[in-house]
Amino acid sequence: MKCPRVVGLLTIVAALGIPISLRAQAFGLNEIGSCAIARGFATTASPCRDASTIYWNAAAATSLPGWNVSLGAAVIALKGSFRQDTTHALFNADAPTKTIPNFFINYHSPSSKAAYGIGVYVPYGLTSQWSPDFPGRFEAQKASLATVYVQPNFAWQINDKWSIGGGPVWGHSTVELIQALDLSTQATAPGGPTFAQIGIAGGTQFGLARLKGSANGFGAQIAISGHPAQNFMVGARFLTPVTFKYDNADATFTETQTGLVLGAGLPTAGGVIPAGTPIDALVAPEFATGGPLVAQKVSTSITHPAQLQAGASYAGFANWLLEADYSWVGWKRFNVLPVQFQGPAANVASRNLIEDYNNSSAIRLGAEYTIPTDGWKLRAGLAGAASAAPPETVTPLLPEEDRAYFTVGAGIPFMHRYALDASYARVWTPGARGRIAERTSETQTAADLNTGVYTLSANIFAFTLRASF
């Protein structure tokens, strides 16, 4: 027998599966360069003296003489949980530890006003994962994102006080979602009752949906760096939006055995299905050829938002550098997301997903002290960032919240041409109420949807080896 309303579930699967990249980006990765992390990401006015300035302020590349190479990685260990209102049960996230690499190279001849370089970095790339018994697994059991940017860079020294720089950005993004399918919401037959109406409990899993997709996008970054007065530096950078069109993403489905049987006869248009019939046999045709839960394609378009960061620094105290930055990300343009099936669900499940994100801001403070005797650099920073997700869009995909950072680190020079930077960052969140079910209407408020409290924290360790020639 068929369960035609199962196809409606594909709407949720697609709409939540592909956009996971954007939700993860609201917790976007700034962990690019150990020195920058240690300074609380406050590096726009006085970038670290390594090639990662291509990301943090492309114009300041003219301040690096000769060849400069930077190779690093950040190890990010996330910890999250959800406490349900009704049961008070605590469900811990099971996200794996991620290693995020970066590489930069820059060349500037002392006799030239131009500097040339290229950077490869990962601005977005986290995984959200929950245990199989998590009640929100029907929203998302696993969601993974990896976005790599490649940025060629050109900088020009205008005069002894100002420089400009920037270049094109090519991005490659991949996303993956695993989501459980709920039997209770599906119809037993065309025009018939739902499985919930014949006694199947809500949250009865009868399958898993897996989605994978990839896309390329193009943008640009521009920056300015200035030294307007003695001991003062200023800088700003702007990263344009980058659009990724996830065409031909793959959606696959596997059945989960429930072991349940009908407790009573089930009338249908073709007769009565007798009591004792396995329910797994009733839904199996949905996963077979001709059913809605077969391998098919899904497409959507996602725009990574614009970023703006500006700052000022002061170096008037002996051996000290102090900086304050402001960062803005234009998430507000992400309000709805169209999702289009290209298989059996094309005419039934294609729809727009409601997001209603807000623009987000961050304040970043950093300090660096240079030990005169050996050139070691000691660094520390504080940063605070506002959540991009409104209260009704805090979900298992990523429980986006306001967050604070405390960072420390050191730079150790050796063998004249080399240095090793190391840093540690602790990320705190105050917790946020959120939901574990889909928002289907703009009239639904956070009070209607949210059924528990999410918490999120992270420990970040980063190391960078840099060389100059």
Protein backbone atom coordinates (compact mmCIF):
# COMPACT_ATOMS: atom_id res chain seq x y z
CA MET A 1 0.00 0.00 0.00
CA LYS A 2 1.06 3.61 -0.51
CA CYS A 3 1.35 6.39 2.06
CA PRO A 4 1.19 9.39 -0.25
CA ARG A 5 1.49 12.01 2.47
CA VAL A 6 4.94 10.73 3.29
CA VAL A 7 6.04 12.89 0.38
CA GLY A 8 5.14 15.96 2.40
CA LEU A 9 7.97 15.14 4.73
CA LEU A 10 10.39 15.66 1.88
CA THR A 11 9.58 19.33 2.11
CA ILE A 12 11.14 19.49 5.55
CA VAL A 13 14.03 17.26 4.60
CA ALA A 14 15.06 19.37 1.65
CA ALA A 15 14.34 22.72 3.18
CA LEU A 16 16.38 21.90 6.26
CA GLY A 17 19.01 19.81 4.57
CA ILE A 18 20.49 22.18 2.06
CA PRO A 19 20.26 25.41 4.08
CA ILE A 20 22.29 23.95 6.94
CA SER A 21 25.30 25.70 5.48
CA LEU A 22 23.81 29.08 6.18
CA ARG A 23 22.85 28.33 9.73
CA ALA A 24 26.34 27.08 10.46
CA GLN A 25 27.77 30.24 8.95
CA ALA A 26 25.86 32.31 11.52
CA PHE A 27 28.43 30.72 13.84
CA GLY A 28 30.98 31.42 11.10
CA LEU A 29 34.61 30.52 11.56
CA ASN A 30 36.93 33.40 12.35
CA GLU A 31 39.62 30.95 13.44
CA ILE A 32 42.02 31.93 10.67
CA GLY A 33 45.56 32.44 11.96
CA SER A 34 46.69 31.72 15.53
CA CYS A 35 47.89 35.28 16.12
CA ALA A 36 44.51 36.74 15.14
CA ILE A 37 42.67 34.26 17.38
CA ALA A 38 44.90 35.13 20.35
CA ARG A 39 44.14 38.83 19.87
CA GLY A 40 40.38 38.25 19.98
CA PHE A 41 40.15 38.64 16.18
CA ALA A 42 40.97 42.36 16.56
CA THR A 43 43.44 42.60 13.70
CA THR A 44 41.97 44.89 11.02
CA ALA A 45 43.97 48.00 11.87
CA SER A 46 47.26 46.28 12.77
CA PRO A 47 47.17 42.80 11.27
CA CYS A 48 49.52 40.13 12.53
CA ARG A 49 52.95 40.25 10.89
CA ASP A 50 52.31 37.23 8.69
CA ALA A 51 50.64 36.43 5.39
CA SER A 52 47.22 35.84 7.01
CA THR A 53 46.78 39.60 6.60
CA ILE A 54 45.43 38.64 3.16
CA TYR A 55 42.25 37.66 5.01
CA TRP A 56 42.22 40.14 7.88
CA ASN A 57 43.26 43.24 5.93
CA ALA A 58 44.39 42.68 2.35
CA ALA A 59 45.78 46.21 2.08
CA ALA A 60 48.34 45.66 4.85
CA ALA A 61 50.16 43.07 2.73
CA THR A 62 52.46 45.92 1.60
CA SER A 63 53.87 46.08 5.15
CA LEU A 64 55.42 42.60 4.84
CA PRO A 65 58.87 42.67 3.17
CA GLY A 66 59.99 39.83 0.91
CA TRP A 67 58.34 36.41 0.95
CA ASN A 68 56.02 35.50 3.82
CA VAL A 69 54.41 32.09 4.23
CA SER A 70 51.87 31.04 6.86
CA LEU A 71 50.51 27.53 7.42
CA GLY A 72 48.16 26.79 10.30
CA ALA A 73 45.17 24.95 11.67
CA ALA A 74 42.54 25.43 14.37
CA VAL A 75 41.15 22.49 16.32
CA ILE A 76 37.56 23.19 17.38
CA ALA A 77 35.83 21.08 20.03
CA LEU A 78 32.15 21.93 20.36
CA LYS A 79 29.92 21.00 23.28
CA GLY A 80 26.17 21.46 23.19
CA SER A 81 23.01 20.27 24.89
CA PHE A 82 19.23 20.59 24.85
CA ARG A 83 17.03 20.39 27.96
CA GLN A 84 13.40 19.62 27.16
CA ASP A 85 10.67 21.58 28.98
CA THR A 86 8.19 18.74 29.43
CA THR A 87 10.48 15.93 30.59
CA HIS A 88 13.45 18.00 31.84
CA ALA A 89 15.60 15.41 30.09
CA LEU A 90 19.05 16.58 29.00
CA PHE A 91 20.30 15.55 25.56
CA ASN A 92 23.98 16.14 24.81
CA ALA A 93 25.23 16.93 21.33
CA ASP A 94 27.67 14.50 19.74
CA ALA A 95 29.57 16.82 17.41
CA PRO A 96 33.02 15.61 16.32
CA THR A 97 36.14 17.68 16.86
CA LYS A 98 37.03 19.57 13.68
CA THR A 99 40.43 20.66 12.35
CA ILE A 100 40.24 23.78 10.16
CA PRO A 101 43.35 24.52 8.03
CA ASN A 102 44.59 27.73 6.41
CA PHE A 103 47.46 28.69 4.12
CA PHE A 104 48.73 32.07 2.94
CA ILE A 105 51.68 33.30 0.90
CA ASN A 106 52.61 36.92 0.15
CA TYR A 107 55.43 38.67 -1.71
CA HIS A 108 56.42 42.34 -1.50
CA SER A 109 59.66 43.72 -2.90
CA PRO A 110 61.04 46.57 -0.78
CA SER A 111 61.58 48.52 -3.99
CA SER A 112 57.98 48.14 -5.14
CA LYS A 113 54.70 49.61 -4.01
CA ALA A 114 52.85 46.40 -4.93
CA ALA A 115 52.37 43.18 -2.99
CA TYR A 116 51.02 39.91 -4.37
CA GLY A 117 49.69 36.86 -2.59
CA ILE A 118 47.05 34.19 -2.22
CA GLY A 119 45.13 32.71 0.68
CA VAL A 120 43.25 29.44 1.18
CA TYR A 121 41.04 29.33 4.25
CA VAL A 122 37.82 27.87 5.66
CA PRO A 123 35.42 30.58 6.85
CA TYR A 124 32.61 28.09 7.55
CA GLY A 125 32.98 24.44 8.48
CA LEU A 126 31.33 22.99 11.57
CA THR A 127 29.31 19.86 12.26
CA SER A 128 26.20 19.63 14.43
CA GLN A 129 25.36 16.08 15.52
CA TRP A 130 22.95 14.55 18.03
CA SER A 131 22.37 11.09 19.49
CA PRO A 132 19.79 8.73 17.91
CA ASP A 133 17.38 9.25 20.84
CA PHE A 134 17.36 13.04 20.60
CA PRO A 135 13.73 14.20 20.11
CA GLY A 136 14.87 16.85 17.64
CA ARG A 137 16.39 14.28 15.27
CA PHE A 138 13.35 14.77 13.02
CA GLU A 139 14.61 18.33 12.50
CA ALA A 140 18.28 17.30 12.25
CA GLN A 141 20.35 14.41 13.57
CA LYS A 142 23.53 15.49 11.80
CA ALA A 143 24.38 18.59 9.80
CA SER A 144 27.82 19.23 8.36
CA LEU A 145 29.28 22.12 6.40
CA ALA A 146 32.66 22.81 4.79
CA THR A 147 33.27 25.97 2.75
CA VAL A 148 36.73 26.73 1.36
CA TYR A 149 37.67 30.16 0.01
CA VAL A 150 40.59 30.82 -2.33
CA GLN A 151 41.56 34.50 -2.49
CA PRO A 152 44.27 35.87 -4.81
CA ASN A 153 45.37 39.23 -3.48
CA PHE A 154 46.90 42.45 -4.80
CA ALA A 155 47.87 45.37 -2.54
CA TRP A 156 49.21 48.82 -3.41
CA GLN A 157 51.05 51.32 -1.24
CA ILE A 158 49.48 54.69 -2.11
CA ASN A 159 51.90 56.74 0.01
CA ASP A 160 53.73 56.42 3.32
CA LYS A 161 50.44 56.46 5.23
CA TRP A 162 47.85 54.58 3.19
CA SER A 163 47.51 51.37 1.21
CA ILE A 164 44.67 49.51 -0.47
CA GLY A 165 44.24 45.89 -1.41
CA GLY A 166 41.90 43.09 -2.30
CA GLY A 167 41.06 40.49 -4.87
CA PRO A 168 38.51 38.00 -6.14
CA VAL A 169 37.22 35.14 -3.99
CA TRP A 170 36.32 31.68 -5.27
CA GLY A 171 34.43 29.46 -2.85
CA HIS A 172 33.55 25.78 -2.80
CA SER A 173 30.92 24.61 -0.34
CA THR A 174 29.66 21.14 0.61
CA VAL A 175 26.78 20.31 2.94
CA GLU A 176 25.38 17.11 4.44
CA LEU A 177 22.26 16.44 6.51
CA ILE A 178 20.93 13.31 8.18
CA GLN A 179 17.37 13.57 9.45
CA ALA A 180 14.95 11.05 10.97
CA LEU A 181 11.48 10.54 9.47
CA ASP A 182 8.42 10.49 11.77
CA LEU A 183 5.81 7.81 11.03
CA SER A 184 3.05 9.30 13.19
CA THR A 185 2.52 12.27 10.88
CA GLN A 186 1.97 10.19 7.74
CA ALA A 187 -1.34 9.03 6.25
CA THR A 188 -2.09 5.31 6.37
CA ALA A 189 -3.71 5.47 2.91
CA PRO A 190 -5.03 8.08 0.46
CA GLY A 191 -7.72 9.98 2.33
CA GLY A 192 -7.24 7.77 5.39
CA PRO A 193 -6.27 8.59 8.97
CA THR A 194 -2.72 9.32 9.98
CA PHE A 195 -0.71 6.71 11.81
CA ALA A 196 -1.04 8.87 14.93
CA GLN A 197 -4.81 8.52 14.68
CA ILE A 198 -4.56 4.73 14.80
CA GLY A 199 -2.32 4.77 17.85
CA ILE A 200 1.25 5.29 16.62
CA ALA A 201 3.12 7.53 19.03
CA GLY A 202 4.68 10.77 17.85
CA GLY A 203 8.41 10.49 17.29
CA THR A 204 8.26 6.94 15.91
CA GLN A 205 11.12 6.75 13.45
CA PHE A 206 10.55 4.78 10.25
CA GLY A 207 13.41 6.04 8.10
CA LEU A 208 16.43 8.27 7.63
CA ALA A 209 16.94 10.94 5.01
CA ARG A 210 20.46 11.85 3.87
CA LEU A 211 21.25 14.87 1.74
CA LYS A 212 24.56 15.90 0.20
CA GLY A 213 25.30 18.80 -2.07
CA SER A 214 28.11 21.02 -3.29
CA ALA A 215 28.39 24.34 -5.08
CA ASN A 216 30.84 27.00 -6.23
CA GLY A 217 30.52 30.74 -5.73
CA PHE A 218 32.38 33.94 -6.52
CA GLY A 219 32.89 37.21 -4.68
CA ALA A 220 35.59 39.70 -3.77
CA GLN A 221 37.28 41.36 -0.83
CA ILE A 222 38.57 44.93 -0.63
CA ALA A 223 40.45 46.63 2.20
CA ILE A 224 42.19 49.81 3.28
CA SER A 225 44.99 50.30 5.78
CA GLY A 226 46.18 53.62 7.18
CA HIS A 227 48.67 55.21 9.56
CA PRO A 228 47.07 58.64 10.07
CA ALA A 229 49.15 59.66 13.09
CA GLN A 230 52.12 58.48 15.09
CA ASN A 231 51.32 55.25 16.98
CA PHE A 232 47.83 55.09 15.48
CA MET A 233 46.67 52.64 12.80
CA VAL A 234 43.24 52.22 11.23
CA GLY A 235 41.87 49.68 8.81
CA ALA A 236 38.73 48.24 7.27
CA ARG A 237 37.83 45.30 5.06
CA PHE A 238 34.69 44.37 3.14
CA LEU A 239 33.86 40.90 1.86
CA THR A 240 31.08 40.84 -0.72
CA PRO A 241 28.21 38.35 -0.59
CA VAL A 242 28.97 34.99 -2.22
CA THR A 243 26.10 33.03 -3.78
CA PHE A 244 26.18 29.23 -3.88
CA LYS A 245 23.68 27.41 -6.11
CA TYR A 246 23.35 23.84 -4.87
CA ASP A 247 22.04 22.31 -8.08
CA ASN A 248 21.61 18.54 -8.25
CA ALA A 249 22.15 17.87 -4.57
CA ASP A 250 21.53 14.19 -3.75
CA ALA A 251 18.70 13.05 -1.48
CA THR A 252 18.64 9.37 -0.44
CA PHE A 253 16.41 7.51 2.01
CA THR A 254 16.66 4.30 4.05
CA GLU A 255 13.90 2.53 5.96
CA THR A 256 14.14 2.01 9.72
CA GLN A 257 12.36 -1.07 11.03
CA THR A 258 9.79 -0.23 13.70
CA GLY A 259 8.71 -3.80 14.54
CA LEU A 260 5.13 -2.55 15.00
CA VAL A 261 1.94 -4.29 13.84
CA LEU A 262 -1.64 -3.14 13.33
CA GLY A 263 -3.64 -3.63 16.51
CA ALA A 264 -6.94 -3.69 14.62
CA GLY A 265 -8.19 -4.00 11.08
CA LEU A 266 -7.56 -0.93 8.93
CA PRO A 267 -10.31 -0.09 6.41
CA THR A 268 -9.06 1.18 3.04
CA ALA A 269 -10.62 1.87 -0.34
CA GLY A 270 -9.46 -1.58 -1.48
CA GLY A 271 -10.70 -3.46 1.58
CA VAL A 272 -9.59 -4.06 5.14
CA ILE A 273 -5.98 -4.66 6.11
CA PRO A 274 -6.17 -7.27 8.88
CA ALA A 275 -4.91 -6.79 12.43
CA GLY A 276 -1.41 -8.08 12.97
CA THR A 277 -0.12 -6.80 9.62
CA PRO A 278 3.45 -5.44 10.05
CA ILE A 279 3.50 -1.67 9.65
CA ASP A 280 6.96 -1.92 8.13
CA ALA A 281 5.41 -3.82 5.23
CA LEU A 282 2.87 -1.03 4.75
CA VAL A 283 5.46 1.72 4.38
CA ALA A 284 8.11 -0.30 2.50
CA PRO A 285 6.70 0.65 -0.95
CA GLU A 286 7.48 4.30 -0.17
CA PHE A 287 11.21 3.45 -0.36
CA ALA A 288 10.85 1.37 -3.54
CA THR A 289 10.78 2.41 -7.19
CA GLY A 290 7.74 4.58 -7.82
CA GLY A 291 7.54 5.75 -4.22
CA PRO A 292 8.33 9.27 -3.02
CA LEU A 293 11.23 8.20 -0.79
CA VAL A 294 13.60 7.19 -3.58
CA ALA A 295 16.90 8.79 -4.57
CA GLN A 296 16.29 12.15 -6.23
CA LYS A 297 17.77 15.59 -6.74
CA VAL A 298 17.16 18.82 -4.83
CA SER A 299 18.35 22.34 -5.64
CA THR A 300 18.42 25.67 -3.87
CA SER A 301 20.40 28.89 -3.83
CA ILE A 302 22.12 30.34 -0.76
CA THR A 303 23.91 33.65 -0.46
CA HIS A 304 26.64 33.93 2.12
CA PRO A 305 26.17 37.45 3.51
CA ALA A 306 28.40 40.48 3.23
CA GLN A 307 30.95 41.11 5.97
CA LEU A 308 32.38 44.42 7.15
CA GLN A 309 35.07 44.86 9.80
CA ALA A 310 36.82 48.06 10.87
CA GLY A 311 39.20 48.92 13.67
CA ALA A 312 41.77 51.19 15.23
CA SER A 313 44.98 50.40 17.10
CA TYR A 314 47.44 52.23 19.33
CA ALA A 315 51.13 51.41 19.86
CA GLY A 316 52.19 54.36 22.03
CA PHE A 317 52.97 52.32 25.13
CA ALA A 318 56.39 50.68 25.12
CA ASN A 319 56.24 47.18 23.64
CA TRP A 320 52.43 47.18 23.62
CA LEU A 321 49.87 47.06 20.81
CA LEU A 322 46.18 47.62 21.63
CA GLU A 323 43.31 47.33 19.16
CA ALA A 324 39.51 47.55 19.07
CA ASP A 325 37.42 46.34 16.10
CA TYR A 326 33.77 46.30 15.08
CA SER A 327 32.38 43.57 12.83
CA TRP A 328 29.05 43.45 10.95
CA VAL A 329 27.50 40.58 8.97
CA GLY A 330 24.47 41.18 6.75
CA TRP A 331 22.33 38.17 7.63
CA LYS A 332 19.03 40.06 7.31
CA ARG A 333 18.82 39.31 3.59
CA PHE A 334 18.36 35.64 4.53
CA ASN A 335 14.62 35.67 5.21
CA VAL A 336 13.20 32.91 2.99
CA LEU A 337 14.83 30.14 1.01
CA PRO A 338 13.29 28.46 -2.06
CA VAL A 339 13.75 24.69 -2.34
CA GLN A 340 13.01 22.79 -5.56
CA PHE A 341 12.77 19.00 -5.88
CA GLN A 342 13.70 17.43 -9.19
CA GLY A 343 12.21 13.98 -8.55
CA PRO A 344 8.90 12.43 -7.41
CA ALA A 345 8.33 15.21 -4.89
CA ALA A 346 8.76 18.09 -7.37
CA ASN A 347 5.08 19.04 -7.55
CA VAL A 348 4.25 18.33 -3.93
CA ALA A 349 7.15 19.26 -1.67
CA SER A 350 8.84 22.28 -3.28
CA ARG A 351 8.44 25.32 -1.05
CA ASN A 352 10.04 28.29 0.72
CA LEU A 353 11.61 27.83 4.13
CA ILE A 354 11.09 30.65 6.64
CA GLU A 355 14.33 31.90 8.24
CA ASP A 356 13.94 35.63 9.11
CA TYR A 357 17.56 36.09 10.19
CA ASN A 358 18.87 39.39 11.57
CA ASN A 359 22.07 41.30 10.85
CA SER A 360 24.67 40.54 13.51
CA SER A 361 27.44 42.62 15.10
CA ALA A 362 30.54 41.90 17.15
CA ILE A 363 32.96 43.91 19.27
CA ARG A 364 36.56 42.65 19.40
CA LEU A 365 39.36 43.80 21.73
CA GLY A 366 42.94 42.63 21.54
CA ALA A 367 46.34 43.29 23.10
CA GLU A 368 49.87 42.18 22.27
CA TYR A 369 53.05 42.59 24.33
CA THR A 370 56.52 42.04 22.82
CA ILE A 371 59.24 40.86 25.18
CA PRO A 372 62.22 43.04 24.20
CA THR A 373 64.95 40.52 25.04
CA ASP A 374 63.91 37.66 22.77
CA GLY A 375 61.04 38.95 20.60
CA TRP A 376 58.39 36.66 22.08
CA LYS A 377 54.88 38.04 21.75
CA LEU A 378 52.20 37.51 24.38
CA ARG A 379 48.61 38.08 23.31
CA ALA A 380 45.11 38.20 24.76
CA GLY A 381 41.67 39.26 23.63
CA LEU A 382 37.97 39.52 24.38
CA ALA A 383 35.10 39.49 21.90
CA GLY A 384 31.33 39.45 21.99
CA ALA A 385 28.96 38.64 19.10
CA ALA A 386 25.20 38.92 18.74
CA SER A 387 23.17 36.00 17.42
CA ALA A 388 21.92 36.18 13.84
CA ALA A 389 19.03 33.79 14.45
CA PRO A 390 15.77 35.16 15.87
CA PRO A 391 14.27 33.30 18.87
CA GLU A 392 11.97 31.27 16.60
CA THR A 393 14.91 29.98 14.49
CA VAL A 394 17.10 28.43 17.20
CA THR A 395 17.18 24.79 16.11
CA PRO A 396 19.19 21.53 16.33
CA LEU A 397 20.84 22.37 13.01
CA LEU A 398 22.80 24.95 14.95
CA PRO A 399 21.58 26.39 18.27
CA GLU A 400 22.73 29.90 17.34
CA GLU A 401 23.12 32.17 20.37
CA ASP A 402 24.82 35.33 21.57
CA ARG A 403 28.39 34.40 22.43
CA ALA A 404 31.53 35.67 24.14
CA TYR A 405 35.18 34.80 23.52
CA PHE A 406 38.23 34.87 25.78
CA THR A 407 41.50 34.30 23.95
CA VAL A 408 45.20 33.99 24.82
CA GLY A 409 48.31 33.03 22.90
CA ALA A 410 51.98 33.54 22.16
CA GLY A 411 54.34 33.95 19.24
CA ILE A 412 57.79 32.34 19.48
CA PRO A 413 60.45 33.27 16.90
CA PHE A 414 63.24 30.82 16.10
CA MET A 415 66.09 30.41 13.61
CA HIS A 416 65.74 34.07 12.52
CA ARG A 417 63.28 33.34 9.69
CA TYR A 418 60.62 31.31 11.48
CA ALA A 419 58.04 31.67 14.21
CA LEU A 420 55.47 29.45 15.86
CA ASP A 421 52.19 30.97 17.01
CA ALA A 422 49.87 29.16 19.40
CA SER A 423 46.52 30.24 20.80
CA TYR A 424 43.57 29.12 22.87
CA ALA A 425 40.02 30.46 22.74
CA ARG A 426 37.10 29.70 25.00
CA VAL A 427 33.60 30.36 23.66
CA TRP A 428 30.67 30.85 26.03
CA THR A 429 26.95 31.27 25.36
CA PRO A 430 24.22 32.16 27.86
CA GLY A 431 21.85 29.53 26.50
CA ALA A 432 18.81 30.15 24.34
CA ARG A 433 15.32 28.76 24.09
CA GLY A 434 14.71 26.92 20.84
CA ARG A 435 12.57 24.47 18.94
CA ILE A 436 12.86 20.90 17.69
CA ALA A 437 10.09 21.08 15.07
CA GLU A 438 9.66 22.98 11.81
CA ARG A 439 8.24 26.48 11.63
CA THR A 440 5.53 26.27 8.97
CA SER A 441 4.01 29.76 9.17
CA GLU A 442 5.26 33.29 9.79
CA THR A 443 2.45 33.68 12.32
CA GLN A 444 4.15 31.14 14.58
CA THR A 445 6.15 32.85 17.30
CA ALA A 446 8.95 31.65 19.53
CA ALA A 447 6.39 31.16 22.29
CA ASP A 448 4.45 28.82 20.00
CA LEU A 449 7.46 26.82 18.86
CA ASN A 450 10.20 26.70 21.47
CA THR A 451 10.12 23.72 23.81
CA GLY A 452 13.49 23.71 25.55
CA VAL A 453 16.83 25.37 26.15
CA TYR A 454 19.98 24.93 24.07
CA THR A 455 23.46 25.57 25.41
CA LEU A 456 26.64 25.75 23.36
CA SER A 457 30.33 26.18 24.17
CA ALA A 458 33.64 25.52 22.47
CA ASN A 459 37.35 25.10 23.13
CA ILE A 460 39.62 26.15 20.27
CA PHE A 461 43.33 25.40 19.96
CA ALA A 462 45.27 26.84 17.04
CA PHE A 463 48.84 26.61 15.77
CA THR A 464 50.56 28.46 12.93
CA LEU A 465 54.03 28.07 11.49
CA ARG A 466 55.22 31.13 9.63
CA ALA A 467 58.36 31.94 7.70
CA SER A 468 59.82 35.01 6.00
CA PHE A 469 62.54 35.15 3.34
